[in-house]
Amino acid sequence: MSSKKVLVVDDSTVTRLMIKKIISETKLDCEFIEADSADKAKTILEGIADLHFATLDQNMPGTLTGLDLAEHMIAKFPSTKTILITANIQDSIRNRASSLGIGFIEKPISPEKLTPHLGSL
């Protein structure tokens, strides 16, 4: 089985580490790609041919939000399972995530919140 490419985008190093730890503990064979902003992630994605799973923060430094990045990703990787993990719990953010067909998890992140979304990996 080849490893699954997982993109973790969050400006918090601690949050990225937590997400990677939760996914790693599921014993899935994953290759992690990290970025601390949606702008950096978009640049990284230009050099990637496939992507299986992504977690995105909403509010980060730079010009793009997590949902802006999600729109870009959906165009390039339509079958990638994507989850927005954010402390920004406004209905407008939830609704936009839902309209894009991506999951929504409220911070703080925990195994109980993230693990159910990993079934498709």
PDB file of N, CA and C in Angstrom:
ATOM      1  N   MET A   1       0.847  -1.182   0.000  1.00  0.00           N
ATOM      2  CA  MET A   1       0.000   0.000   0.000  1.00  0.00           C
ATOM      3  C   MET A   1       0.887   1.237   0.000  1.00  0.00           C
ATOM      4  N   SER A   2       0.613   2.147  -0.878  1.00  0.00           N
ATOM      5  CA  SER A   2       1.406   3.371  -0.923  1.00  0.00           C
ATOM      6  C   SER A   2       0.895   4.358   0.122  1.00  0.00           C
ATOM      7  N   SER A   3       1.790   5.255   0.532  1.00  0.00           N
ATOM      8  CA  SER A   3       1.393   6.209   1.564  1.00  0.00           C
ATOM      9  C   SER A   3       0.426   7.241   0.987  1.00  0.00           C
ATOM     10  N   LYS A   4      -0.434   7.727   1.858  1.00  0.00           N
ATOM     11  CA  LYS A   4      -1.417   8.732   1.493  1.00  0.00           C
ATOM     12  C   LYS A   4      -0.814  10.109   1.762  1.00  0.00           C
ATOM     13  N   LYS A   5      -1.021  11.031   0.849  1.00  0.00           N
ATOM     14  CA  LYS A   5      -0.535  12.399   1.044  1.00  0.00           C
ATOM     15  C   LYS A   5      -1.567  13.188   1.830  1.00  0.00           C
ATOM     16  N   VAL A   6      -1.105  13.768   2.946  1.00  0.00           N
ATOM     17  CA  VAL A   6      -1.969  14.525   3.841  1.00  0.00           C
ATOM     18  C   VAL A   6      -1.403  15.932   3.987  1.00  0.00           C
ATOM     19  N   LEU A   7      -2.206  16.913   3.679  1.00  0.00           N
ATOM     20  CA  LEU A   7      -1.818  18.322   3.825  1.00  0.00           C
ATOM     21  C   LEU A   7      -2.400  18.862   5.125  1.00  0.00           C
ATOM     22  N   VAL A   8      -1.528  19.460   5.948  1.00  0.00           N
ATOM     23  CA  VAL A   8      -1.953  20.059   7.217  1.00  0.00           C
ATOM     24  C   VAL A   8      -1.573  21.538   7.167  1.00  0.00           C
ATOM     25  N   VAL A   9      -2.590  22.413   7.147  1.00  0.00           N
ATOM     26  CA  VAL A   9      -2.353  23.849   7.022  1.00  0.00           C
ATOM     27  C   VAL A   9      -2.918  24.552   8.251  1.00  0.00           C
ATOM     28  N   ASP A  10      -2.025  25.144   9.043  1.00  0.00           N
ATOM     29  CA  ASP A  10      -2.427  25.897  10.231  1.00  0.00           C
ATOM     30  C   ASP A  10      -1.256  26.763  10.641  1.00  0.00           C
ATOM     31  N   ASP A  11      -1.530  27.991  11.067  1.00  0.00           N
ATOM     32  CA  ASP A  11      -0.433  28.852  11.490  1.00  0.00           C
ATOM     33  C   ASP A  11       0.078  28.492  12.885  1.00  0.00           C
ATOM     34  N   SER A  12      -0.602  27.609  13.591  1.00  0.00           N
ATOM     35  CA  SER A  12      -0.158  27.144  14.898  1.00  0.00           C
ATOM     36  C   SER A  12       0.625  25.840  14.760  1.00  0.00           C
ATOM     37  N   THR A  13       1.897  25.883  15.144  1.00  0.00           N
ATOM     38  CA  THR A  13       2.737  24.685  15.108  1.00  0.00           C
ATOM     39  C   THR A  13       2.142  23.600  16.002  1.00  0.00           C
ATOM     40  N   VAL A  14       1.636  23.977  17.165  1.00  0.00           N
ATOM     41  CA  VAL A  14       1.055  23.012  18.105  1.00  0.00           C
ATOM     42  C   VAL A  14      -0.142  22.300  17.475  1.00  0.00           C
ATOM     43  N   THR A  15      -0.991  23.055  16.801  1.00  0.00           N
ATOM     44  CA  THR A  15      -2.160  22.442  16.155  1.00  0.00           C
ATOM     45  C   THR A  15      -1.724  21.485  15.056  1.00  0.00           C
ATOM     46  N   ARG A  16      -0.747  21.877  14.247  1.00  0.00           N
ATOM     47  CA  ARG A  16      -0.255  20.973  13.196  1.00  0.00           C
ATOM     48  C   ARG A  16       0.286  19.684  13.809  1.00  0.00           C
ATOM     49  N   LEU A  17       1.054  19.801  14.885  1.00  0.00           N
ATOM     50  CA  LEU A  17       1.597  18.616  15.558  1.00  0.00           C
ATOM     51  C   LEU A  17       0.485  17.723  16.094  1.00  0.00           C
ATOM     52  N   MET A  18      -0.537  18.318  16.683  1.00  0.00           N
ATOM     53  CA  MET A  18      -1.670  17.543  17.205  1.00  0.00           C
ATOM     54  C   MET A  18      -2.391  16.784  16.089  1.00  0.00           C
ATOM     55  N   ILE A  19      -2.645  17.463  14.985  1.00  0.00           N
ATOM     56  CA  ILE A  19      -3.334  16.821  13.863  1.00  0.00           C
ATOM     57  C   ILE A  19      -2.503  15.658  13.338  1.00  0.00           C
ATOM     58  N   LYS A  20      -1.209  15.876  13.156  1.00  0.00           N
ATOM     59  CA  LYS A  20      -0.327  14.807  12.666  1.00  0.00           C
ATOM     60  C   LYS A  20      -0.292  13.637  13.647  1.00  0.00           C
ATOM     61  N   LYS A  21      -0.258  13.937  14.939  1.00  0.00           N
ATOM     62  CA  LYS A  21      -0.230  12.882  15.960  1.00  0.00           C
ATOM     63  C   LYS A  21      -1.512  12.061  15.905  1.00  0.00           C
ATOM     64  N   ILE A  22      -2.661  12.714  15.835  1.00  0.00           N
ATOM     65  CA  ILE A  22      -3.943  12.010  15.782  1.00  0.00           C
ATOM     66  C   ILE A  22      -4.003  11.100  14.560  1.00  0.00           C
ATOM     67  N   ILE A  23      -3.607  11.623  13.403  1.00  0.00           N
ATOM     68  CA  ILE A  23      -3.650  10.812  12.176  1.00  0.00           C
ATOM     69  C   ILE A  23      -2.644   9.672  12.261  1.00  0.00           C
ATOM     70  N   SER A  24      -1.445   9.936  12.761  1.00  0.00           N
ATOM     71  CA  SER A  24      -0.417   8.900  12.876  1.00  0.00           C
ATOM     72  C   SER A  24      -0.847   7.767  13.802  1.00  0.00           C
ATOM     73  N   GLU A  25      -1.583   8.100  14.852  1.00  0.00           N
ATOM     74  CA  GLU A  25      -2.019   7.079  15.807  1.00  0.00           C
ATOM     75  C   GLU A  25      -3.059   6.129  15.220  1.00  0.00           C
ATOM     76  N   THR A  26      -3.626   6.463  14.078  1.00  0.00           N
ATOM     77  CA  THR A  26      -4.571   5.561  13.415  1.00  0.00           C
ATOM     78  C   THR A  26      -3.837   4.477  12.637  1.00  0.00           C
ATOM     79  N   LYS A  27      -2.525   4.564  12.608  1.00  0.00           N
ATOM     80  CA  LYS A  27      -1.651   3.598  11.921  1.00  0.00           C
ATOM     81  C   LYS A  27      -1.781   3.641  10.405  1.00  0.00           C
ATOM     82  N   LEU A  28      -2.315   4.730   9.900  1.00  0.00           N
ATOM     83  CA  LEU A  28      -2.366   4.902   8.453  1.00  0.00           C
ATOM     84  C   LEU A  28      -0.985   5.283   7.954  1.00  0.00           C
ATOM     85  N   ASP A  29      -0.624   4.807   6.780  1.00  0.00           N
ATOM     86  CA  ASP A  29       0.665   5.138   6.176  1.00  0.00           C
ATOM     87  C   ASP A  29       0.507   6.466   5.443  1.00  0.00           C
ATOM     88  N   CYS A  30       0.981   7.547   6.084  1.00  0.00           N
ATOM     89  CA  CYS A  30       0.772   8.877   5.527  1.00  0.00           C
ATOM     90  C   CYS A  30       2.076   9.637   5.355  1.00  0.00           C
ATOM     91  N   GLU A  31       2.105  10.421   4.306  1.00  0.00           N
ATOM     92  CA  GLU A  31       3.181  11.385   4.085  1.00  0.00           C
ATOM     93  C   GLU A  31       2.565  12.754   4.352  1.00  0.00           C
ATOM     94  N   PHE A  32       3.107  13.448   5.357  1.00  0.00           N
ATOM     95  CA  PHE A  32       2.552  14.743   5.735  1.00  0.00           C
ATOM     96  C   PHE A  32       3.245  15.880   5.001  1.00  0.00           C
ATOM     97  N   ILE A  33       2.433  16.807   4.550  1.00  0.00           N
ATOM     98  CA  ILE A  33       2.907  18.050   3.954  1.00  0.00           C
ATOM     99  C   ILE A  33       2.322  19.154   4.820  1.00  0.00           C
ATOM    100  N   GLU A  34       3.174  20.061   5.289  1.00  0.00           N
ATOM    101  CA  GLU A  34       2.720  21.104   6.203  1.00  0.00           C
ATOM    102  C   GLU A  34       2.933  22.490   5.615  1.00  0.00           C
ATOM    103  N   ALA A  35       2.051  23.400   6.018  1.00  0.00           N
ATOM    104  CA  ALA A  35       2.207  24.814   5.672  1.00  0.00           C
ATOM    105  C   ALA A  35       1.602  25.632   6.798  1.00  0.00           C
ATOM    106  N   ASP A  36       2.212  26.807   7.045  1.00  0.00           N
ATOM    107  CA  ASP A  36       1.700  27.661   8.117  1.00  0.00           C
ATOM    108  C   ASP A  36       0.820  28.795   7.589  1.00  0.00           C
ATOM    109  N   SER A  37       0.485  28.734   6.301  1.00  0.00           N
ATOM    110  CA  SER A  37      -0.469  29.681   5.725  1.00  0.00           C
ATOM    111  C   SER A  37      -1.084  29.065   4.468  1.00  0.00           C
ATOM    112  N   ALA A  38      -2.260  29.554   4.117  1.00  0.00           N
ATOM    113  CA  ALA A  38      -2.923  29.072   2.901  1.00  0.00           C
ATOM    114  C   ALA A  38      -2.134  29.490   1.666  1.00  0.00           C
ATOM    115  N   ASP A  39      -1.493  30.652   1.726  1.00  0.00           N
ATOM    116  CA  ASP A  39      -0.679  31.110   0.591  1.00  0.00           C
ATOM    117  C   ASP A  39       0.463  30.137   0.315  1.00  0.00           C
ATOM    118  N   LYS A  40       1.171  29.734   1.376  1.00  0.00           N
ATOM    119  CA  LYS A  40       2.277  28.776   1.215  1.00  0.00           C
ATOM    120  C   LYS A  40       1.761  27.432   0.735  1.00  0.00           C
ATOM    121  N   ALA A  41       0.642  27.008   1.281  1.00  0.00           N
ATOM    122  CA  ALA A  41       0.067  25.729   0.875  1.00  0.00           C
ATOM    123  C   ALA A  41      -0.293  25.730  -0.610  1.00  0.00           C
ATOM    124  N   LYS A  42      -0.854  26.813  -1.089  1.00  0.00           N
ATOM    125  CA  LYS A  42      -1.219  26.901  -2.507  1.00  0.00           C
ATOM    126  C   LYS A  42       0.021  26.744  -3.380  1.00  0.00           C
ATOM    127  N   THR A  43       1.118  27.362  -2.984  1.00  0.00           N
ATOM    128  CA  THR A  43       2.374  27.232  -3.731  1.00  0.00           C
ATOM    129  C   THR A  43       2.866  25.788  -3.700  1.00  0.00           C
ATOM    130  N   ILE A  44       2.823  25.164  -2.529  1.00  0.00           N
ATOM    131  CA  ILE A  44       3.258  23.772  -2.396  1.00  0.00           C
ATOM    132  C   ILE A  44       2.422  22.861  -3.286  1.00  0.00           C
ATOM    133  N   LEU A  45       1.113  23.106  -3.331  1.00  0.00           N
ATOM    134  CA  LEU A  45       0.211  22.250  -4.107  1.00  0.00           C
ATOM    135  C   LEU A  45       0.481  22.286  -5.603  1.00  0.00           C
ATOM    136  N   GLU A  46       1.106  23.344  -6.077  1.00  0.00           N
ATOM    137  CA  GLU A  46       1.426  23.428  -7.508  1.00  0.00           C
ATOM    138  C   GLU A  46       2.377  22.309  -7.933  1.00  0.00           C
ATOM    139  N   GLY A  47       3.187  21.814  -6.998  1.00  0.00           N
ATOM    140  CA  GLY A  47       4.149  20.765  -7.327  1.00  0.00           C
ATOM    141  C   GLY A  47       3.709  19.371  -6.936  1.00  0.00           C
ATOM    142  N   ILE A  48       2.448  19.192  -6.582  1.00  0.00           N
ATOM    143  CA  ILE A  48       1.944  17.892  -6.127  1.00  0.00           C
ATOM    144  C   ILE A  48       0.953  17.348  -7.144  1.00  0.00           C
ATOM    145  N   ALA A  49       1.087  16.063  -7.452  1.00  0.00           N
ATOM    146  CA  ALA A  49       0.200  15.444  -8.432  1.00  0.00           C
ATOM    147  C   ALA A  49      -1.063  14.862  -7.810  1.00  0.00           C
ATOM    148  N   ASP A  50      -0.974  14.423  -6.544  1.00  0.00           N
ATOM    149  CA  ASP A  50      -2.151  13.865  -5.899  1.00  0.00           C
ATOM    150  C   ASP A  50      -2.165  14.224  -4.420  1.00  0.00           C
ATOM    151  N   LEU A  51      -3.350  14.241  -3.856  1.00  0.00           N
ATOM    152  CA  LEU A  51      -3.538  14.595  -2.459  1.00  0.00           C
ATOM    153  C   LEU A  51      -4.760  13.832  -1.975  1.00  0.00           C
ATOM    154  N   HIS A  52      -4.646  13.177  -0.812  1.00  0.00           N
ATOM    155  CA  HIS A  52      -5.720  12.323  -0.328  1.00  0.00           C
ATOM    156  C   HIS A  52      -6.571  12.955   0.766  1.00  0.00           C
ATOM    157  N   PHE A  53      -5.946  13.775   1.615  1.00  0.00           N
ATOM    158  CA  PHE A  53      -6.654  14.323   2.766  1.00  0.00           C
ATOM    159  C   PHE A  53      -6.026  15.661   3.122  1.00  0.00           C
ATOM    160  N   ALA A  54      -6.848  16.605   3.583  1.00  0.00           N
ATOM    161  CA  ALA A  54      -6.315  17.912   3.977  1.00  0.00           C
ATOM    162  C   ALA A  54      -7.096  18.460   5.159  1.00  0.00           C
ATOM    163  N   THR A  55      -6.352  19.100   6.070  1.00  0.00           N
ATOM    164  CA  THR A  55      -6.979  19.863   7.141  1.00  0.00           C
ATOM    165  C   THR A  55      -6.532  21.305   6.973  1.00  0.00           C
ATOM    166  N   LEU A  56      -7.480  22.209   7.067  1.00  0.00           N
ATOM    167  CA  LEU A  56      -7.203  23.628   6.835  1.00  0.00           C
ATOM    168  C   LEU A  56      -7.723  24.466   7.985  1.00  0.00           C
ATOM    169  N   ASP A  57      -6.903  25.402   8.443  1.00  0.00           N
ATOM    170  CA  ASP A  57      -7.373  26.427   9.377  1.00  0.00           C
ATOM    171  C   ASP A  57      -8.055  27.498   8.525  1.00  0.00           C
ATOM    172  N   GLN A  58      -8.931  28.290   9.116  1.00  0.00           N
ATOM    173  CA  GLN A  58      -9.605  29.347   8.364  1.00  0.00           C
ATOM    174  C   GLN A  58      -8.804  30.641   8.350  1.00  0.00           C
ATOM    175  N   ASN A  59      -8.441  31.134   9.526  1.00  0.00           N
ATOM    176  CA  ASN A  59      -7.781  32.435   9.637  1.00  0.00           C
ATOM    177  C   ASN A  59      -6.283  32.263   9.867  1.00  0.00           C
ATOM    178  N   MET A  60      -5.504  32.686   8.878  1.00  0.00           N
ATOM    179  CA  MET A  60      -4.047  32.587   8.947  1.00  0.00           C
ATOM    180  C   MET A  60      -3.445  33.839   8.324  1.00  0.00           C
ATOM    181  N   PRO A  61      -2.169  34.100   8.604  1.00  0.00           N
ATOM    182  CA  PRO A  61      -1.516  35.234   7.937  1.00  0.00           C
ATOM    183  C   PRO A  61      -1.505  35.027   6.423  1.00  0.00           C
ATOM    184  N   GLY A  62      -1.492  36.109   5.682  1.00  0.00           N
ATOM    185  CA  GLY A  62      -1.453  36.026   4.224  1.00  0.00           C
ATOM    186  C   GLY A  62      -2.740  36.515   3.602  1.00  0.00           C
ATOM    187  N   THR A  63      -2.860  36.319   2.309  1.00  0.00           N
ATOM    188  CA  THR A  63      -4.007  36.838   1.569  1.00  0.00           C
ATOM    189  C   THR A  63      -5.159  35.846   1.465  1.00  0.00           C
ATOM    190  N   LEU A  64      -4.879  34.554   1.626  1.00  0.00           N
ATOM    191  CA  LEU A  64      -5.905  33.526   1.460  1.00  0.00           C
ATOM    192  C   LEU A  64      -6.389  32.997   2.804  1.00  0.00           C
ATOM    193  N   THR A  65      -7.678  32.688   2.888  1.00  0.00           N
ATOM    194  CA  THR A  65      -8.225  31.984   4.042  1.00  0.00           C
ATOM    195  C   THR A  65      -8.216  30.483   3.744  1.00  0.00           C
ATOM    196  N   GLY A  66      -8.548  29.699   4.747  1.00  0.00           N
ATOM    197  CA  GLY A  66      -8.655  28.260   4.532  1.00  0.00           C
ATOM    198  C   GLY A  66      -9.712  27.915   3.500  1.00  0.00           C
ATOM    199  N   LEU A  67     -10.833  28.614   3.523  1.00  0.00           N
ATOM    200  CA  LEU A  67     -11.883  28.343   2.546  1.00  0.00           C
ATOM    201  C   LEU A  67     -11.479  28.770   1.139  1.00  0.00           C
ATOM    202  N   ASP A  68     -10.696  29.836   1.019  1.00  0.00           N
ATOM    203  CA  ASP A  68     -10.164  30.216  -0.297  1.00  0.00           C
ATOM    204  C   ASP A  68      -9.280  29.090  -0.837  1.00  0.00           C
ATOM    205  N   LEU A  69      -8.437  28.548   0.036  1.00  0.00           N
ATOM    206  CA  LEU A  69      -7.565  27.443  -0.366  1.00  0.00           C
ATOM    207  C   LEU A  69      -8.393  26.218  -0.724  1.00  0.00           C
ATOM    208  N   ALA A  70      -9.442  25.960   0.039  1.00  0.00           N
ATOM    209  CA  ALA A  70     -10.304  24.813  -0.246  1.00  0.00           C
ATOM    210  C   ALA A  70     -10.886  24.898  -1.651  1.00  0.00           C
ATOM    211  N   GLU A  71     -11.325  26.082  -2.064  1.00  0.00           N
ATOM    212  CA  GLU A  71     -11.864  26.245  -3.423  1.00  0.00           C
ATOM    213  C   GLU A  71     -10.812  25.903  -4.471  1.00  0.00           C
ATOM    214  N   HIS A  72      -9.589  26.365  -4.254  1.00  0.00           N
ATOM    215  CA  HIS A  72      -8.488  26.052  -5.172  1.00  0.00           C
ATOM    216  C   HIS A  72      -8.230  24.544  -5.198  1.00  0.00           C
ATOM    217  N   MET A  73      -8.215  23.930  -4.019  1.00  0.00           N
ATOM    218  CA  MET A  73      -7.936  22.491  -3.933  1.00  0.00           C
ATOM    219  C   MET A  73      -9.014  21.665  -4.610  1.00  0.00           C
ATOM    220  N   ILE A  74     -10.262  22.052  -4.428  1.00  0.00           N
ATOM    221  CA  ILE A  74     -11.364  21.303  -5.032  1.00  0.00           C
ATOM    222  C   ILE A  74     -11.241  21.297  -6.553  1.00  0.00           C
ATOM    223  N   ALA A  75     -10.792  22.402  -7.114  1.00  0.00           N
ATOM    224  CA  ALA A  75     -10.606  22.470  -8.568  1.00  0.00           C
ATOM    225  C   ALA A  75      -9.496  21.532  -9.030  1.00  0.00           C
ATOM    226  N   LYS A  76      -8.414  21.433  -8.252  1.00  0.00           N
ATOM    227  CA  LYS A  76      -7.259  20.615  -8.655  1.00  0.00           C
ATOM    228  C   LYS A  76      -7.372  19.165  -8.187  1.00  0.00           C
ATOM    229  N   PHE A  77      -7.926  18.958  -7.002  1.00  0.00           N
ATOM    230  CA  PHE A  77      -8.030  17.618  -6.394  1.00  0.00           C
ATOM    231  C   PHE A  77      -9.473  17.370  -5.951  1.00  0.00           C
ATOM    232  N   PRO A  78     -10.394  17.167  -6.877  1.00  0.00           N
ATOM    233  CA  PRO A  78     -11.812  17.087  -6.518  1.00  0.00           C
ATOM    234  C   PRO A  78     -12.165  15.941  -5.569  1.00  0.00           C
ATOM    235  N   SER A  79     -11.371  14.888  -5.516  1.00  0.00           N
ATOM    236  CA  SER A  79     -11.711  13.751  -4.649  1.00  0.00           C
ATOM    237  C   SER A  79     -11.016  13.797  -3.286  1.00  0.00           C
ATOM    238  N   THR A  80     -10.268  14.852  -3.023  1.00  0.00           N
ATOM    239  CA  THR A  80      -9.574  14.967  -1.744  1.00  0.00           C
ATOM    240  C   THR A  80     -10.557  15.267  -0.624  1.00  0.00           C
ATOM    241  N   LYS A  81     -10.498  14.466   0.435  1.00  0.00           N
ATOM    242  CA  LYS A  81     -11.317  14.719   1.634  1.00  0.00           C
ATOM    243  C   LYS A  81     -10.686  15.898   2.363  1.00  0.00           C
ATOM    244  N   THR A  82     -11.458  16.951   2.592  1.00  0.00           N
ATOM    245  CA  THR A  82     -10.950  18.172   3.210  1.00  0.00           C
ATOM    246  C   THR A  82     -11.787  18.532   4.426  1.00  0.00           C
ATOM    247  N   ILE A  83     -11.090  18.940   5.487  1.00  0.00           N
ATOM    248  CA  ILE A  83     -11.742  19.328   6.738  1.00  0.00           C
ATOM    249  C   ILE A  83     -11.245  20.714   7.129  1.00  0.00           C
ATOM    250  N   LEU A  84     -12.162  21.616   7.421  1.00  0.00           N
ATOM    251  CA  LEU A  84     -11.821  22.926   7.963  1.00  0.00           C
ATOM    252  C   LEU A  84     -11.816  22.797   9.484  1.00  0.00           C
ATOM    253  N   ILE A  85     -10.663  23.073  10.105  1.00  0.00           N
ATOM    254  CA  ILE A  85     -10.516  23.003  11.557  1.00  0.00           C
ATOM    255  C   ILE A  85     -10.235  24.416  12.036  1.00  0.00           C
ATOM    256  N   THR A  86     -11.209  25.016  12.711  1.00  0.00           N
ATOM    257  CA  THR A  86     -11.099  26.443  13.012  1.00  0.00           C
ATOM    258  C   THR A  86     -11.779  26.814  14.323  1.00  0.00           C
ATOM    259  N   ALA A  87     -11.302  27.893  14.896  1.00  0.00           N
ATOM    260  CA  ALA A  87     -11.964  28.483  16.061  1.00  0.00           C
ATOM    261  C   ALA A  87     -13.030  29.477  15.615  1.00  0.00           C
ATOM    262  N   ASN A  88     -13.054  29.795  14.320  1.00  0.00           N
ATOM    263  CA  ASN A  88     -14.030  30.726  13.758  1.00  0.00           C
ATOM    264  C   ASN A  88     -15.312  29.950  13.456  1.00  0.00           C
ATOM    265  N   ILE A  89     -16.267  30.014  14.385  1.00  0.00           N
ATOM    266  CA  ILE A  89     -17.442  29.152  14.285  1.00  0.00           C
ATOM    267  C   ILE A  89     -18.692  29.898  13.814  1.00  0.00           C
ATOM    268  N   GLN A  90     -18.492  30.974  13.093  1.00  0.00           N
ATOM    269  CA  GLN A  90     -19.629  31.732  12.560  1.00  0.00           C
ATOM    270  C   GLN A  90     -20.430  30.855  11.600  1.00  0.00           C
ATOM    271  N   ASP A  91     -21.730  31.075  11.585  1.00  0.00           N
ATOM    272  CA  ASP A  91     -22.594  30.313  10.686  1.00  0.00           C
ATOM    273  C   ASP A  91     -22.174  30.491   9.231  1.00  0.00           C
ATOM    274  N   SER A  92     -21.727  31.701   8.863  1.00  0.00           N
ATOM    275  CA  SER A  92     -21.335  31.942   7.471  1.00  0.00           C
ATOM    276  C   SER A  92     -20.134  31.068   7.074  1.00  0.00           C
ATOM    277  N   ILE A  93     -19.221  30.837   8.001  1.00  0.00           N
ATOM    278  CA  ILE A  93     -18.062  29.979   7.722  1.00  0.00           C
ATOM    279  C   ILE A  93     -18.521  28.523   7.600  1.00  0.00           C
ATOM    280  N   ARG A  94     -19.335  28.075   8.545  1.00  0.00           N
ATOM    281  CA  ARG A  94     -19.882  26.703   8.491  1.00  0.00           C
ATOM    282  C   ARG A  94     -20.644  26.466   7.186  1.00  0.00           C
ATOM    283  N   ASN A  95     -21.491  27.435   6.832  1.00  0.00           N
ATOM    284  CA  ASN A  95     -22.313  27.290   5.633  1.00  0.00           C
ATOM    285  C   ASN A  95     -21.468  27.247   4.366  1.00  0.00           C
ATOM    286  N   ARG A  96     -20.435  28.089   4.314  1.00  0.00           N
ATOM    287  CA  ARG A  96     -19.565  28.081   3.132  1.00  0.00           C
ATOM    288  C   ARG A  96     -18.815  26.758   3.038  1.00  0.00           C
ATOM    289  N   ALA A  97     -18.337  26.240   4.180  1.00  0.00           N
ATOM    290  CA  ALA A  97     -17.669  24.936   4.181  1.00  0.00           C
ATOM    291  C   ALA A  97     -18.624  23.856   3.682  1.00  0.00           C
ATOM    292  N   SER A  98     -19.837  23.890   4.180  1.00  0.00           N
ATOM    293  CA  SER A  98     -20.836  22.910   3.771  1.00  0.00           C
ATOM    294  C   SER A  98     -21.142  23.009   2.278  1.00  0.00           C
ATOM    295  N   SER A  99     -21.260  24.236   1.779  1.00  0.00           N
ATOM    296  CA  SER A  99     -21.564  24.414   0.350  1.00  0.00           C
ATOM    297  C   SER A  99     -20.417  23.930  -0.539  1.00  0.00           C
ATOM    298  N   LEU A 100     -19.195  23.955   0.002  1.00  0.00           N
ATOM    299  CA  LEU A 100     -18.042  23.433  -0.745  1.00  0.00           C
ATOM    300  C   LEU A 100     -17.912  21.915  -0.611  1.00  0.00           C
ATOM    301  N   GLY A 101     -18.674  21.337   0.292  1.00  0.00           N
ATOM    302  CA  GLY A 101     -18.624  19.896   0.493  1.00  0.00           C
ATOM    303  C   GLY A 101     -17.457  19.454   1.374  1.00  0.00           C
ATOM    304  N   ILE A 102     -16.992  20.349   2.241  1.00  0.00           N
ATOM    305  CA  ILE A 102     -15.887  19.981   3.120  1.00  0.00           C
ATOM    306  C   ILE A 102     -16.390  19.904   4.565  1.00  0.00           C
ATOM    307  N   GLY A 103     -15.685  19.126   5.381  1.00  0.00           N
ATOM    308  CA  GLY A 103     -16.055  18.962   6.772  1.00  0.00           C
ATOM    309  C   GLY A 103     -15.716  20.196   7.595  1.00  0.00           C
ATOM    310  N   PHE A 104     -16.256  20.240   8.800  1.00  0.00           N
ATOM    311  CA  PHE A 104     -16.036  21.379   9.699  1.00  0.00           C
ATOM    312  C   PHE A 104     -15.823  20.836  11.101  1.00  0.00           C
ATOM    313  N   ILE A 105     -14.702  21.213  11.714  1.00  0.00           N
ATOM    314  CA  ILE A 105     -14.404  20.834  13.091  1.00  0.00           C
ATOM    315  C   ILE A 105     -14.050  22.106  13.853  1.00  0.00           C
ATOM    316  N   GLU A 106     -14.668  22.244  15.004  1.00  0.00           N
ATOM    317  CA  GLU A 106     -14.414  23.383  15.869  1.00  0.00           C
ATOM    318  C   GLU A 106     -13.187  23.103  16.743  1.00  0.00           C
ATOM    319  N   LYS A 107     -12.269  24.091  16.811  1.00  0.00           N
ATOM    320  CA  LYS A 107     -11.117  23.953  17.700  1.00  0.00           C
ATOM    321  C   LYS A 107     -11.585  24.094  19.144  1.00  0.00           C
ATOM    322  N   PRO A 108     -10.893  23.481  20.081  1.00  0.00           N
ATOM    323  CA  PRO A 108      -9.618  22.783  19.937  1.00  0.00           C
ATOM    324  C   PRO A 108      -9.807  21.400  19.319  1.00  0.00           C
ATOM    325  N   ILE A 109      -8.785  20.966  18.597  1.00  0.00           N
ATOM    326  CA  ILE A 109      -8.811  19.669  17.924  1.00  0.00           C
ATOM    327  C   ILE A 109      -8.637  18.560  18.958  1.00  0.00           C
ATOM    328  N   SER A 110      -9.278  17.431  18.711  1.00  0.00           N
ATOM    329  CA  SER A 110      -9.137  16.258  19.572  1.00  0.00           C
ATOM    330  C   SER A 110      -9.291  15.011  18.710  1.00  0.00           C
ATOM    331  N   PRO A 111      -8.802  13.870  19.194  1.00  0.00           N
ATOM    332  CA  PRO A 111      -8.994  12.629  18.432  1.00  0.00           C
ATOM    333  C   PRO A 111     -10.475  12.321  18.193  1.00  0.00           C
ATOM    334  N   GLU A 112     -11.315  12.629  19.189  1.00  0.00           N
ATOM    335  CA  GLU A 112     -12.747  12.349  19.060  1.00  0.00           C
ATOM    336  C   GLU A 112     -13.390  13.140  17.922  1.00  0.00           C
ATOM    337  N   LYS A 113     -12.883  14.323  17.673  1.00  0.00           N
ATOM    338  CA  LYS A 113     -13.431  15.158  16.602  1.00  0.00           C
ATOM    339  C   LYS A 113     -12.884  14.783  15.229  1.00  0.00           C
ATOM    340  N   LEU A 114     -11.579  14.463  15.152  1.00  0.00           N
ATOM    341  CA  LEU A 114     -10.937  14.237  13.853  1.00  0.00           C
ATOM    342  C   LEU A 114     -11.042  12.801  13.352  1.00  0.00           C
ATOM    343  N   THR A 115     -10.877  11.833  14.230  1.00  0.00           N
ATOM    344  CA  THR A 115     -10.816  10.432  13.809  1.00  0.00           C
ATOM    345  C   THR A 115     -12.005   9.985  12.957  1.00  0.00           C
ATOM    346  N   PRO A 116     -13.245  10.390  13.267  1.00  0.00           N
ATOM    347  CA  PRO A 116     -14.361   9.949  12.409  1.00  0.00           C
ATOM    348  C   PRO A 116     -14.244  10.395  10.958  1.00  0.00           C
ATOM    349  N   HIS A 117     -13.485  11.439  10.701  1.00  0.00           N
ATOM    350  CA  HIS A 117     -13.315  11.948   9.326  1.00  0.00           C
ATOM    351  C   HIS A 117     -12.245  11.189   8.548  1.00  0.00           C
ATOM    352  N   LEU A 118     -11.524  10.307   9.212  1.00  0.00           N
ATOM    353  CA  LEU A 118     -10.398   9.625   8.575  1.00  0.00           C
ATOM    354  C   LEU A 118     -10.795   8.327   7.898  1.00  0.00           C
ATOM    355  N   GLY A 119     -12.040   7.945   7.982  1.00  0.00           N
ATOM    356  CA  GLY A 119     -12.484   6.681   7.420  1.00  0.00           C
ATOM    357  C   GLY A 119     -12.210   6.527   5.937  1.00  0.00           C
ATOM    358  N   SER A 120     -12.220   7.605   5.196  1.00  0.00           N
ATOM    359  CA  SER A 120     -12.013   7.520   3.744  1.00  0.00           C
ATOM    360  C   SER A 120     -10.541   7.447   3.361  1.00  0.00           C
ATOM    361  N   LEU A 121      -9.667   7.626   4.323  1.00  0.00           N
ATOM    362  CA  LEU A 121      -8.235   7.516   4.048  1.00  0.00           C
ATOM    363  C   LEU A 121      -7.903   6.070   3.919  1.00  0.00           C
TER     364      LEU A 121
END
